[in-house]
Amino acid sequence: MTRSEAVRFLRTEPSMAFTEGRLLALRDGVVYVLAPDGWARLGRERPSTAVWIDREAAEDWCELEGWDLHLLDTVPTPGAF
């Protein structure tokens, strides 16, 4: 059994709808976006304008946007049901 790779976080560029950008997560080669109903799978290609951020910056983003920090620990593992 192999261990899942650590989750890495990204942030998209700000837009009119998302003035602080969107929070993304990469786990095991799959990109997810944080949506109102949890993490939604985007696929294997990360948006070209997304920038890598560390866990602390992801926590700061969650606090600024009013999201529960616990969500950072719930990024799905691809293939897990």
Protein backbone atom coordinates (compact mmCIF):
# COMPACT_ATOMS: atom_id res chain seq x y z
CA MET A 1 0.00 0.00 0.00
CA THR A 2 1.40 3.40 -0.96
CA ARG A 3 0.84 6.61 0.96
CA SER A 4 -1.10 9.43 -0.63
CA GLU A 5 1.01 12.41 -1.52
CA ALA A 6 0.60 15.47 0.61
CA VAL A 7 -1.99 18.02 -0.38
CA ARG A 8 -0.64 21.17 -2.04
CA PHE A 9 -2.71 24.32 -2.25
CA LEU A 10 -3.10 26.92 -4.99
CA ARG A 11 -5.04 30.12 -5.43
CA THR A 12 -6.53 31.37 -8.67
CA GLU A 13 -6.28 34.97 -9.78
CA PRO A 14 -8.93 37.31 -8.40
CA SER A 15 -11.98 37.95 -10.55
CA MET A 16 -15.12 40.05 -10.20
CA ALA A 17 -17.02 37.06 -8.80
CA PHE A 18 -14.15 35.86 -6.58
CA THR A 19 -12.24 38.91 -5.43
CA GLU A 20 -9.77 36.80 -3.43
CA GLY A 21 -9.53 34.09 -6.09
CA ARG A 22 -10.57 30.48 -5.59
CA LEU A 23 -8.82 27.96 -3.39
CA LEU A 24 -7.56 24.87 -5.18
CA ALA A 25 -5.92 21.72 -3.86
CA LEU A 26 -3.75 19.16 -5.61
CA ARG A 27 -3.70 15.60 -4.29
CA ASP A 28 -2.28 12.59 -6.10
CA GLY A 29 -2.21 14.48 -9.40
CA VAL A 30 -5.85 15.62 -9.27
CA VAL A 31 -6.89 19.25 -8.83
CA TYR A 32 -9.93 20.17 -6.72
CA VAL A 33 -11.66 23.52 -6.16
CA LEU A 34 -13.31 24.45 -2.87
CA ALA A 35 -17.01 24.94 -3.58
CA PRO A 36 -19.98 25.67 -1.29
CA ASP A 37 -20.77 21.94 -1.08
CA GLY A 38 -17.16 20.82 -0.50
CA TRP A 39 -14.28 19.94 -2.80
CA ALA A 40 -15.17 19.54 -6.48
CA ARG A 41 -12.87 17.71 -8.87
CA LEU A 42 -11.44 19.85 -11.68
CA GLY A 43 -9.22 17.23 -13.29
CA ARG A 44 -5.51 16.71 -13.78
CA GLU A 45 -4.64 20.08 -15.36
CA ARG A 46 -4.15 23.00 -13.03
CA PRO A 47 -5.22 26.43 -14.24
CA SER A 48 -2.19 28.13 -15.77
CA THR A 49 -2.66 31.30 -13.76
CA ALA A 50 -3.04 29.57 -10.37
CA VAL A 51 -0.17 30.17 -7.95
CA TRP A 52 1.15 27.79 -5.33
CA ILE A 53 0.50 28.80 -1.73
CA ASP A 54 1.52 27.17 1.52
CA ARG A 55 -0.84 25.75 4.14
CA GLU A 56 -0.68 28.94 6.20
CA ALA A 57 -1.77 31.06 3.23
CA ALA A 58 -4.60 28.58 2.56
CA GLU A 59 -5.70 28.97 6.19
CA ASP A 60 -5.55 32.76 5.84
CA TRP A 61 -7.70 32.52 2.68
CA CYS A 62 -10.28 30.40 4.53
CA GLU A 63 -10.44 32.84 7.42
CA LEU A 64 -10.79 35.82 5.08
CA GLU A 65 -13.56 34.13 3.11
CA GLY A 66 -15.33 32.69 6.17
CA TRP A 67 -14.66 29.00 5.41
CA ASP A 68 -14.07 26.38 8.09
CA LEU A 69 -10.35 25.57 8.38
CA HIS A 70 -11.29 21.90 8.81
CA LEU A 71 -12.04 21.80 5.06
CA LEU A 72 -8.30 21.92 4.34
CA ASP A 73 -8.05 18.44 5.85
CA THR A 74 -10.89 16.99 3.78
CA VAL A 75 -9.44 17.14 0.27
CA PRO A 76 -10.56 13.88 -1.38
CA THR A 77 -8.18 11.12 -2.30
CA PRO A 78 -8.68 10.14 -5.96
CA GLY A 79 -10.30 6.74 -6.28
CA ALA A 80 -11.56 6.71 -2.69
CA PHE A 81 -15.31 6.39 -2.28
